[in-house]
Amino acid sequence: MISYAPLWETMKQKNISTYALIHTYGVDAHTLNSLKHNKSVTANTLEALCKILQCKPNDVIEFLWDD
């Protein structure tokens, strides 16, 4: 399972809100909705988030494995 829990923590640490992602950085609101519901997004979206937040993919996404 995909989890974007690290994204929300990274955004908090960097003091970047979802409002800023939409209105300052041009991230689509539907994309943020997908992230909030742990739905898959493109690698381009992950790259864009990493550029915006100046972080690595592990700061945005984690994989949770079923035992």
C-alpha atoms as a PDB file:
ATOM      1  CA  MET A   1       0.000   0.000   0.000  1.00  0.00           C
ATOM      2  CA  ILE A   2       1.161   3.520  -0.779  1.00  0.00           C
ATOM      3  CA  SER A   3       1.181   6.122   1.955  1.00  0.00           C
ATOM      4  CA  TYR A   4       1.876   9.808   1.576  1.00  0.00           C
ATOM      5  CA  ALA A   5       2.134  10.356   5.333  1.00  0.00           C
ATOM      6  CA  PRO A   6       5.757  11.510   4.932  1.00  0.00           C
ATOM      7  CA  LEU A   7       4.586  14.245   2.533  1.00  0.00           C
ATOM      8  CA  TRP A   8       2.367  15.895   5.112  1.00  0.00           C
ATOM      9  CA  GLU A   9       5.146  15.795   7.727  1.00  0.00           C
ATOM     10  CA  THR A  10       7.674  17.220   5.248  1.00  0.00           C
ATOM     11  CA  MET A  11       5.256  19.995   4.292  1.00  0.00           C
ATOM     12  CA  LYS A  12       4.779  20.807   7.963  1.00  0.00           C
ATOM     13  CA  GLN A  13       8.546  20.932   8.557  1.00  0.00           C
ATOM     14  CA  LYS A  14       9.075  23.156   5.509  1.00  0.00           C
ATOM     15  CA  ASN A  15       6.060  25.338   6.397  1.00  0.00           C
ATOM     16  CA  ILE A  16       4.373  24.782   3.022  1.00  0.00           C
ATOM     17  CA  SER A  17       0.587  24.463   3.031  1.00  0.00           C
ATOM     18  CA  THR A  18      -1.704  22.732   0.572  1.00  0.00           C
ATOM     19  CA  TYR A  19      -2.946  26.232  -0.312  1.00  0.00           C
ATOM     20  CA  ALA A  20       0.607  27.198  -1.291  1.00  0.00           C
ATOM     21  CA  LEU A  21       1.025  24.021  -3.347  1.00  0.00           C
ATOM     22  CA  ILE A  22      -2.080  24.911  -5.343  1.00  0.00           C
ATOM     23  CA  HIS A  23      -1.788  28.689  -5.640  1.00  0.00           C
ATOM     24  CA  THR A  24       1.964  29.294  -5.556  1.00  0.00           C
ATOM     25  CA  TYR A  25       3.369  26.137  -7.143  1.00  0.00           C
ATOM     26  CA  GLY A  26       0.515  25.160  -9.457  1.00  0.00           C
ATOM     27  CA  VAL A  27      -0.174  21.689  -8.063  1.00  0.00           C
ATOM     28  CA  ASP A  28      -3.612  20.554  -9.205  1.00  0.00           C
ATOM     29  CA  ALA A  29      -6.260  20.257  -6.484  1.00  0.00           C
ATOM     30  CA  HIS A  30      -7.276  16.841  -7.843  1.00  0.00           C
ATOM     31  CA  THR A  31      -3.687  15.664  -7.418  1.00  0.00           C
ATOM     32  CA  LEU A  32      -3.718  16.772  -3.795  1.00  0.00           C
ATOM     33  CA  ASN A  33      -6.993  14.927  -3.324  1.00  0.00           C
ATOM     34  CA  SER A  34      -5.366  11.764  -4.686  1.00  0.00           C
ATOM     35  CA  LEU A  35      -2.443  12.240  -2.306  1.00  0.00           C
ATOM     36  CA  LYS A  36      -4.780  12.731   0.653  1.00  0.00           C
ATOM     37  CA  HIS A  37      -6.501   9.446  -0.185  1.00  0.00           C
ATOM     38  CA  ASN A  38      -3.226   7.555  -0.794  1.00  0.00           C
ATOM     39  CA  LYS A  39      -4.019   6.984  -4.467  1.00  0.00           C
ATOM     40  CA  SER A  40      -1.242   6.577  -6.984  1.00  0.00           C
ATOM     41  CA  VAL A  41       0.220   9.597  -8.749  1.00  0.00           C
ATOM     42  CA  THR A  42       2.746   9.863 -11.561  1.00  0.00           C
ATOM     43  CA  ALA A  43       6.497   9.900 -11.130  1.00  0.00           C
ATOM     44  CA  ASN A  44       6.408  13.416 -12.619  1.00  0.00           C
ATOM     45  CA  THR A  45       4.172  14.518  -9.740  1.00  0.00           C
ATOM     46  CA  LEU A  46       6.566  13.001  -7.196  1.00  0.00           C
ATOM     47  CA  GLU A  47       9.465  14.746  -8.910  1.00  0.00           C
ATOM     48  CA  ALA A  48       7.621  18.071  -8.839  1.00  0.00           C
ATOM     49  CA  LEU A  49       6.817  17.699  -5.136  1.00  0.00           C
ATOM     50  CA  CYS A  50      10.440  16.863  -4.374  1.00  0.00           C
ATOM     51  CA  LYS A  51      11.594  19.963  -6.264  1.00  0.00           C
ATOM     52  CA  ILE A  52       9.075  22.169  -4.485  1.00  0.00           C
ATOM     53  CA  LEU A  53       9.932  20.773  -1.060  1.00  0.00           C
ATOM     54  CA  GLN A  54      13.642  20.324  -1.831  1.00  0.00           C
ATOM     55  CA  CYS A  55      13.561  16.768  -0.557  1.00  0.00           C
ATOM     56  CA  LYS A  56      13.981  13.151  -1.619  1.00  0.00           C
ATOM     57  CA  PRO A  57      11.185  10.723  -2.599  1.00  0.00           C
ATOM     58  CA  ASN A  58      11.309   9.016   0.815  1.00  0.00           C
ATOM     59  CA  ASP A  59      10.260  12.364   2.298  1.00  0.00           C
ATOM     60  CA  VAL A  60       7.065  12.197   0.214  1.00  0.00           C
ATOM     61  CA  ILE A  61       6.044   8.558  -0.129  1.00  0.00           C
ATOM     62  CA  GLU A  62       6.384   5.266   1.700  1.00  0.00           C
ATOM     63  CA  PHE A  63       5.299   1.754   0.859  1.00  0.00           C
ATOM     64  CA  LEU A  64       3.514  -0.264   3.509  1.00  0.00           C
ATOM     65  CA  TRP A  65       3.624  -4.001   2.918  1.00  0.00           C
ATOM     66  CA  ASP A  66       0.898  -6.366   4.033  1.00  0.00           C
ATOM     67  CA  ASP A  67       2.304  -9.218   6.110  1.00  0.00           C
END
